[in-house]
Amino acid sequence: MRRDRESPPRWHSGDGWFSLKEIADRAAAEAERQAIRLALHATRGNKSEAARLLRVDYKTLHLKMKYYDIDAGDFRASS
């Protein structure tokens, strides 16, 4: 199946090709970021519930949210 309409993954920069490890690390980080955002969306921004869903310690989730610059408040339902 061809993916002509989607932009291809970025495997190189202006300085040359990324290593296979760098490519895997970038893909893992993006998957982790998306999983955190989905869990926060599902729990309407409740970090404790999101941590339970993701089966990680609350502190781990908090540190990763800080690293990825994710604000739980963005997922809270407005009244």
PDB file of N, CA and C in Angstrom:
ATOM      1  N   MET A   1       0.843  -1.177   0.000  1.00  0.00           N
ATOM      2  CA  MET A   1       0.000   0.000   0.000  1.00  0.00           C
ATOM      3  C   MET A   1       0.891   1.245   0.000  1.00  0.00           C
ATOM      4  N   ARG A   2       0.637   2.161  -0.902  1.00  0.00           N
ATOM      5  CA  ARG A   2       1.426   3.381  -0.986  1.00  0.00           C
ATOM      6  C   ARG A   2       0.844   4.464  -0.096  1.00  0.00           C
ATOM      7  N   ARG A   3       1.699   5.322   0.389  1.00  0.00           N
ATOM      8  CA  ARG A   3       1.279   6.404   1.267  1.00  0.00           C
ATOM      9  C   ARG A   3       1.600   7.745   0.616  1.00  0.00           C
ATOM     10  N   ASP A   4       1.183   7.936  -0.616  1.00  0.00           N
ATOM     11  CA  ASP A   4       1.521   9.145  -1.357  1.00  0.00           C
ATOM     12  C   ASP A   4       1.016  10.422  -0.704  1.00  0.00           C
ATOM     13  N   ARG A   5      -0.125  10.366  -0.074  1.00  0.00           N
ATOM     14  CA  ARG A   5      -0.734  11.591   0.459  1.00  0.00           C
ATOM     15  C   ARG A   5      -0.207  11.972   1.828  1.00  0.00           C
ATOM     16  N   GLU A   6       0.395  11.040   2.525  1.00  0.00           N
ATOM     17  CA  GLU A   6       0.957  11.346   3.848  1.00  0.00           C
ATOM     18  C   GLU A   6       2.407  11.781   3.680  1.00  0.00           C
ATOM     19  N   SER A   7       2.848  12.664   4.564  1.00  0.00           N
ATOM     20  CA  SER A   7       4.253  13.034   4.490  1.00  0.00           C
ATOM     21  C   SER A   7       5.086  11.888   5.070  1.00  0.00           C
ATOM     22  N   PRO A   8       6.192  11.583   4.433  1.00  0.00           N
ATOM     23  CA  PRO A   8       7.017  10.469   4.886  1.00  0.00           C
ATOM     24  C   PRO A   8       7.705  10.799   6.204  1.00  0.00           C
ATOM     25  N   PRO A   9       8.059   9.764   6.969  1.00  0.00           N
ATOM     26  CA  PRO A   9       8.784  10.040   8.216  1.00  0.00           C
ATOM     27  C   PRO A   9      10.113  10.704   7.907  1.00  0.00           C
ATOM     28  N   ARG A  10      10.586  11.499   8.830  1.00  0.00           N
ATOM     29  CA  ARG A  10      11.839  12.210   8.634  1.00  0.00           C
ATOM     30  C   ARG A  10      13.008  11.342   9.059  1.00  0.00           C
ATOM     31  N   TRP A  11      13.784  10.870   8.121  1.00  0.00           N
ATOM     32  CA  TRP A  11      14.909   9.986   8.415  1.00  0.00           C
ATOM     33  C   TRP A  11      16.254  10.652   8.205  1.00  0.00           C
ATOM     34  N   HIS A  12      16.213  11.912   7.821  1.00  0.00           N
ATOM     35  CA  HIS A  12      17.471  12.617   7.630  1.00  0.00           C
ATOM     36  C   HIS A  12      17.278  14.104   7.915  1.00  0.00           C
ATOM     37  N   SER A  13      18.376  14.748   8.159  1.00  0.00           N
ATOM     38  CA  SER A  13      18.362  16.190   8.393  1.00  0.00           C
ATOM     39  C   SER A  13      19.326  16.814   7.396  1.00  0.00           C
ATOM     40  N   GLY A  14      19.532  18.085   7.501  1.00  0.00           N
ATOM     41  CA  GLY A  14      20.480  18.757   6.622  1.00  0.00           C
ATOM     42  C   GLY A  14      21.903  18.241   6.794  1.00  0.00           C
ATOM     43  N   ASP A  15      22.174  17.663   7.955  1.00  0.00           N
ATOM     44  CA  ASP A  15      23.528  17.156   8.247  1.00  0.00           C
ATOM     45  C   ASP A  15      23.736  15.722   7.785  1.00  0.00           C
ATOM     46  N   GLY A  16      22.694  15.034   7.375  1.00  0.00           N
ATOM     47  CA  GLY A  16      22.832  13.648   6.939  1.00  0.00           C
ATOM     48  C   GLY A  16      21.723  12.784   7.517  1.00  0.00           C
ATOM     49  N   TRP A  17      21.859  11.518   7.353  1.00  0.00           N
ATOM     50  CA  TRP A  17      20.848  10.553   7.801  1.00  0.00           C
ATOM     51  C   TRP A  17      20.934  10.328   9.299  1.00  0.00           C
ATOM     52  N   PHE A  18      19.762  10.118   9.925  1.00  0.00           N
ATOM     53  CA  PHE A  18      19.734   9.725  11.320  1.00  0.00           C
ATOM     54  C   PHE A  18      20.090   8.250  11.410  1.00  0.00           C
ATOM     55  N   SER A  19      20.654   7.851  12.523  1.00  0.00           N
ATOM     56  CA  SER A  19      20.931   6.429  12.728  1.00  0.00           C
ATOM     57  C   SER A  19      19.613   5.698  12.977  1.00  0.00           C
ATOM     58  N   LEU A  20      19.634   4.389  12.833  1.00  0.00           N
ATOM     59  CA  LEU A  20      18.438   3.597  13.089  1.00  0.00           C
ATOM     60  C   LEU A  20      17.968   3.791  14.524  1.00  0.00           C
ATOM     61  N   LYS A  21      18.903   3.892  15.465  1.00  0.00           N
ATOM     62  CA  LYS A  21      18.542   4.124  16.862  1.00  0.00           C
ATOM     63  C   LYS A  21      17.857   5.479  17.029  1.00  0.00           C
ATOM     64  N   GLU A  22      18.384   6.505  16.366  1.00  0.00           N
ATOM     65  CA  GLU A  22      17.754   7.831  16.452  1.00  0.00           C
ATOM     66  C   GLU A  22      16.341   7.802  15.873  1.00  0.00           C
ATOM     67  N   ILE A  23      16.158   7.104  14.773  1.00  0.00           N
ATOM     68  CA  ILE A  23      14.830   6.991  14.167  1.00  0.00           C
ATOM     69  C   ILE A  23      13.872   6.294  15.123  1.00  0.00           C
ATOM     70  N   ALA A  24      14.327   5.196  15.731  1.00  0.00           N
ATOM     71  CA  ALA A  24      13.492   4.449  16.677  1.00  0.00           C
ATOM     72  C   ALA A  24      13.177   5.298  17.906  1.00  0.00           C
ATOM     73  N   ASP A  25      14.168   6.020  18.412  1.00  0.00           N
ATOM     74  CA  ASP A  25      13.960   6.874  19.586  1.00  0.00           C
ATOM     75  C   ASP A  25      12.939   7.967  19.295  1.00  0.00           C
ATOM     76  N   ARG A  26      13.020   8.573  18.119  1.00  0.00           N
ATOM     77  CA  ARG A  26      12.069   9.624  17.742  1.00  0.00           C
ATOM     78  C   ARG A  26      10.658   9.055  17.616  1.00  0.00           C
ATOM     79  N   ALA A  27      10.542   7.874  17.017  1.00  0.00           N
ATOM     80  CA  ALA A  27       9.226   7.245  16.856  1.00  0.00           C
ATOM     81  C   ALA A  27       8.643   6.872  18.217  1.00  0.00           C
ATOM     82  N   ALA A  28       9.479   6.356  19.104  1.00  0.00           N
ATOM     83  CA  ALA A  28       9.010   5.987  20.442  1.00  0.00           C
ATOM     84  C   ALA A  28       8.559   7.226  21.218  1.00  0.00           C
ATOM     85  N   ALA A  29       9.297   8.298  21.118  1.00  0.00           N
ATOM     86  CA  ALA A  29       8.936   9.528  21.816  1.00  0.00           C
ATOM     87  C   ALA A  29       7.602  10.072  21.292  1.00  0.00           C
ATOM     88  N   GLU A  30       7.408  10.028  19.985  1.00  0.00           N
ATOM     89  CA  GLU A  30       6.147  10.521  19.418  1.00  0.00           C
ATOM     90  C   GLU A  30       4.976   9.640  19.846  1.00  0.00           C
ATOM     91  N   ALA A  31       5.185   8.320  19.878  1.00  0.00           N
ATOM     92  CA  ALA A  31       4.123   7.408  20.325  1.00  0.00           C
ATOM     93  C   ALA A  31       3.797   7.660  21.794  1.00  0.00           C
ATOM     94  N   GLU A  32       4.823   7.886  22.608  1.00  0.00           N
ATOM     95  CA  GLU A  32       4.622   8.161  24.028  1.00  0.00           C
ATOM     96  C   GLU A  32       3.847   9.465  24.218  1.00  0.00           C
ATOM     97  N   ARG A  33       4.231  10.485  23.482  1.00  0.00           N
ATOM     98  CA  ARG A  33       3.549  11.784  23.571  1.00  0.00           C
ATOM     99  C   ARG A  33       2.072  11.643  23.188  1.00  0.00           C
ATOM    100  N   GLN A  34       1.806  10.917  22.123  1.00  0.00           N
ATOM    101  CA  GLN A  34       0.423  10.722  21.691  1.00  0.00           C
ATOM    102  C   GLN A  34      -0.369   9.907  22.711  1.00  0.00           C
ATOM    103  N   ALA A  35       0.241   8.886  23.291  1.00  0.00           N
ATOM    104  CA  ALA A  35      -0.451   8.059  24.284  1.00  0.00           C
ATOM    105  C   ALA A  35      -0.823   8.886  25.512  1.00  0.00           C
ATOM    106  N   ILE A  36       0.072   9.755  25.942  1.00  0.00           N
ATOM    107  CA  ILE A  36      -0.209  10.621  27.092  1.00  0.00           C
ATOM    108  C   ILE A  36      -1.361  11.559  26.766  1.00  0.00           C
ATOM    109  N   ARG A  37      -1.331  12.159  25.593  1.00  0.00           N
ATOM    110  CA  ARG A  37      -2.409  13.068  25.191  1.00  0.00           C
ATOM    111  C   ARG A  37      -3.749  12.330  25.109  1.00  0.00           C
ATOM    112  N   LEU A  38      -3.758  11.121  24.564  1.00  0.00           N
ATOM    113  CA  LEU A  38      -4.995  10.339  24.476  1.00  0.00           C
ATOM    114  C   LEU A  38      -5.534   9.976  25.861  1.00  0.00           C
ATOM    115  N   ALA A  39      -4.631   9.589  26.768  1.00  0.00           N
ATOM    116  CA  ALA A  39      -5.051   9.230  28.125  1.00  0.00           C
ATOM    117  C   ALA A  39      -5.624  10.452  28.846  1.00  0.00           C
ATOM    118  N   LEU A  40      -4.997  11.596  28.671  1.00  0.00           N
ATOM    119  CA  LEU A  40      -5.516  12.821  29.297  1.00  0.00           C
ATOM    120  C   LEU A  40      -6.853  13.218  28.693  1.00  0.00           C
ATOM    121  N   HIS A  41      -6.992  13.016  27.407  1.00  0.00           N
ATOM    122  CA  HIS A  41      -8.281  13.299  26.764  1.00  0.00           C
ATOM    123  C   HIS A  41      -9.359  12.373  27.329  1.00  0.00           C
ATOM    124  N   ALA A  42      -9.044  11.087  27.451  1.00  0.00           N
ATOM    125  CA  ALA A  42     -10.015  10.106  27.952  1.00  0.00           C
ATOM    126  C   ALA A  42     -10.411  10.377  29.396  1.00  0.00           C
ATOM    127  N   THR A  43      -9.494  10.954  30.175  1.00  0.00           N
ATOM    128  CA  THR A  43      -9.766  11.204  31.596  1.00  0.00           C
ATOM    129  C   THR A  43     -10.100  12.669  31.868  1.00  0.00           C
ATOM    130  N   ARG A  44     -10.320  13.432  30.803  1.00  0.00           N
ATOM    131  CA  ARG A  44     -10.626  14.861  30.906  1.00  0.00           C
ATOM    132  C   ARG A  44      -9.607  15.621  31.755  1.00  0.00           C
ATOM    133  N   GLY A  45      -8.326  15.268  31.547  1.00  0.00           N
ATOM    134  CA  GLY A  45      -7.244  15.985  32.214  1.00  0.00           C
ATOM    135  C   GLY A  45      -6.885  15.484  33.592  1.00  0.00           C
ATOM    136  N   ASN A  46      -7.500  14.397  34.055  1.00  0.00           N
ATOM    137  CA  ASN A  46      -7.193  13.858  35.380  1.00  0.00           C
ATOM    138  C   ASN A  46      -5.892  13.067  35.296  1.00  0.00           C
ATOM    139  N   LYS A  47      -4.817  13.621  35.843  1.00  0.00           N
ATOM    140  CA  LYS A  47      -3.492  13.001  35.738  1.00  0.00           C
ATOM    141  C   LYS A  47      -3.402  11.678  36.490  1.00  0.00           C
ATOM    142  N   SER A  48      -4.060  11.572  37.639  1.00  0.00           N
ATOM    143  CA  SER A  48      -4.022  10.311  38.398  1.00  0.00           C
ATOM    144  C   SER A  48      -4.670   9.188  37.601  1.00  0.00           C
ATOM    145  N   GLU A  49      -5.826   9.475  37.009  1.00  0.00           N
ATOM    146  CA  GLU A  49      -6.508   8.457  36.201  1.00  0.00           C
ATOM    147  C   GLU A  49      -5.711   8.140  34.943  1.00  0.00           C
ATOM    148  N   ALA A  50      -5.121   9.148  34.330  1.00  0.00           N
ATOM    149  CA  ALA A  50      -4.310   8.931  33.129  1.00  0.00           C
ATOM    150  C   ALA A  50      -3.111   8.048  33.454  1.00  0.00           C
ATOM    151  N   ALA A  51      -2.484   8.283  34.593  1.00  0.00           N
ATOM    152  CA  ALA A  51      -1.345   7.450  34.999  1.00  0.00           C
ATOM    153  C   ALA A  51      -1.785   6.004  35.185  1.00  0.00           C
ATOM    154  N   ARG A  52      -2.961   5.803  35.785  1.00  0.00           N
ATOM    155  CA  ARG A  52      -3.479   4.441  35.952  1.00  0.00           C
ATOM    156  C   ARG A  52      -3.746   3.784  34.597  1.00  0.00           C
ATOM    157  N   LEU A  53      -4.353   4.531  33.683  1.00  0.00           N
ATOM    158  CA  LEU A  53      -4.612   3.991  32.348  1.00  0.00           C
ATOM    159  C   LEU A  53      -3.321   3.564  31.648  1.00  0.00           C
ATOM    160  N   LEU A  54      -2.299   4.384  31.795  1.00  0.00           N
ATOM    161  CA  LEU A  54      -1.022   4.121  31.135  1.00  0.00           C
ATOM    162  C   LEU A  54      -0.127   3.169  31.929  1.00  0.00           C
ATOM    163  N   ARG A  55      -0.581   2.823  33.134  1.00  0.00           N
ATOM    164  CA  ARG A  55       0.163   1.930  34.024  1.00  0.00           C
ATOM    165  C   ARG A  55       1.575   2.454  34.316  1.00  0.00           C
ATOM    166  N   VAL A  56       1.615   3.742  34.673  1.00  0.00           N
ATOM    167  CA  VAL A  56       2.866   4.369  35.102  1.00  0.00           C
ATOM    168  C   VAL A  56       2.623   5.093  36.416  1.00  0.00           C
ATOM    169  N   ASP A  57       3.679   5.347  37.110  1.00  0.00           N
ATOM    170  CA  ASP A  57       3.618   6.106  38.346  1.00  0.00           C
ATOM    171  C   ASP A  57       3.205   7.547  38.027  1.00  0.00           C
ATOM    172  N   TYR A  58       2.470   8.158  38.930  1.00  0.00           N
ATOM    173  CA  TYR A  58       2.011   9.537  38.743  1.00  0.00           C
ATOM    174  C   TYR A  58       3.199  10.466  38.491  1.00  0.00           C
ATOM    175  N   LYS A  59       4.267  10.296  39.246  1.00  0.00           N
ATOM    176  CA  LYS A  59       5.451  11.153  39.098  1.00  0.00           C
ATOM    177  C   LYS A  59       6.065  10.991  37.706  1.00  0.00           C
ATOM    178  N   THR A  60       6.100   9.767  37.207  1.00  0.00           N
ATOM    179  CA  THR A  60       6.632   9.518  35.865  1.00  0.00           C
ATOM    180  C   THR A  60       5.797  10.255  34.824  1.00  0.00           C
ATOM    181  N   LEU A  61       4.471  10.148  34.951  1.00  0.00           N
ATOM    182  CA  LEU A  61       3.597  10.848  34.019  1.00  0.00           C
ATOM    183  C   LEU A  61       3.832  12.347  34.099  1.00  0.00           C
ATOM    184  N   HIS A  62       3.913  12.873  35.313  1.00  0.00           N
ATOM    185  CA  HIS A  62       4.121  14.308  35.493  1.00  0.00           C
ATOM    186  C   HIS A  62       5.428  14.762  34.822  1.00  0.00           C
ATOM    187  N   LEU A  63       6.502  13.999  35.007  1.00  0.00           N
ATOM    188  CA  LEU A  63       7.792  14.360  34.404  1.00  0.00           C
ATOM    189  C   LEU A  63       7.737  14.302  32.882  1.00  0.00           C
ATOM    190  N   LYS A  64       7.059  13.305  32.349  1.00  0.00           N
ATOM    191  CA  LYS A  64       6.940  13.183  30.895  1.00  0.00           C
ATOM    192  C   LYS A  64       6.063  14.287  30.318  1.00  0.00           C
ATOM    193  N   MET A  65       5.025  14.660  31.038  1.00  0.00           N
ATOM    194  CA  MET A  65       4.187  15.773  30.583  1.00  0.00           C
ATOM    195  C   MET A  65       5.009  17.058  30.536  1.00  0.00           C
ATOM    196  N   LYS A  66       5.855  17.258  31.525  1.00  0.00           N
ATOM    197  CA  LYS A  66       6.710  18.432  31.548  1.00  0.00           C
ATOM    198  C   LYS A  66       7.695  18.380  30.368  1.00  0.00           C
ATOM    199  N   TYR A  67       8.275  17.210  30.121  1.00  0.00           N
ATOM    200  CA  TYR A  67       9.235  17.040  29.033  1.00  0.00           C
ATOM    201  C   TYR A  67       8.592  17.340  27.677  1.00  0.00           C
ATOM    202  N   TYR A  68       7.370  16.837  27.464  1.00  0.00           N
ATOM    203  CA  TYR A  68       6.665  17.032  26.193  1.00  0.00           C
ATOM    204  C   TYR A  68       5.839  18.314  26.164  1.00  0.00           C
ATOM    205  N   ASP A  69       5.895  19.092  27.232  1.00  0.00           N
ATOM    206  CA  ASP A  69       5.157  20.353  27.345  1.00  0.00           C
ATOM    207  C   ASP A  69       3.654  20.139  27.131  1.00  0.00           C
ATOM    208  N   ILE A  70       3.101  19.185  27.886  1.00  0.00           N
ATOM    209  CA  ILE A  70       1.674  18.870  27.827  1.00  0.00           C
ATOM    210  C   ILE A  70       1.021  19.398  29.094  1.00  0.00           C
ATOM    211  N   ASP A  71      -0.031  20.167  28.925  1.00  0.00           N
ATOM    212  CA  ASP A  71      -0.761  20.755  30.051  1.00  0.00           C
ATOM    213  C   ASP A  71      -2.097  20.025  30.218  1.00  0.00           C
ATOM    214  N   ALA A  72      -2.304  19.408  31.379  1.00  0.00           N
ATOM    215  CA  ALA A  72      -3.534  18.672  31.642  1.00  0.00           C
ATOM    216  C   ALA A  72      -4.763  19.578  31.525  1.00  0.00           C
ATOM    217  N   GLY A  73      -4.592  20.837  31.818  1.00  0.00           N
ATOM    218  CA  GLY A  73      -5.705  21.779  31.733  1.00  0.00           C
ATOM    219  C   GLY A  73      -6.292  21.895  30.333  1.00  0.00           C
ATOM    220  N   ASP A  74      -5.483  21.585  29.333  1.00  0.00           N
ATOM    221  CA  ASP A  74      -5.981  21.631  27.955  1.00  0.00           C
ATOM    222  C   ASP A  74      -7.019  20.545  27.676  1.00  0.00           C
ATOM    223  N   PHE A  75      -7.109  19.557  28.563  1.00  0.00           N
ATOM    224  CA  PHE A  75      -8.005  18.424  28.341  1.00  0.00           C
ATOM    225  C   PHE A  75      -9.226  18.420  29.266  1.00  0.00           C
ATOM    226  N   ARG A  76      -9.286  19.407  30.148  1.00  0.00           N
ATOM    227  CA  ARG A  76     -10.420  19.494  31.068  1.00  0.00           C
ATOM    228  C   ARG A  76     -11.640  20.028  30.338  1.00  0.00           C
ATOM    229  N   ALA A  77     -12.781  19.466  30.664  1.00  0.00           N
ATOM    230  CA  ALA A  77     -14.024  19.911  30.036  1.00  0.00           C
ATOM    231  C   ALA A  77     -14.374  21.302  30.541  1.00  0.00           C
ATOM    232  N   SER A  78     -14.754  22.158  29.624  1.00  0.00           N
ATOM    233  CA  SER A  78     -15.164  23.493  30.042  1.00  0.00           C
ATOM    234  C   SER A  78     -16.628  23.460  30.469  1.00  0.00           C
ATOM    235  N   SER A  79     -16.946  24.251  31.463  1.00  0.00           N
ATOM    236  CA  SER A  79     -18.313  24.279  31.996  1.00  0.00           C
ATOM    237  C   SER A  79     -19.213  25.149  31.169  1.00  0.00           C
TER     238      SER A  79
END
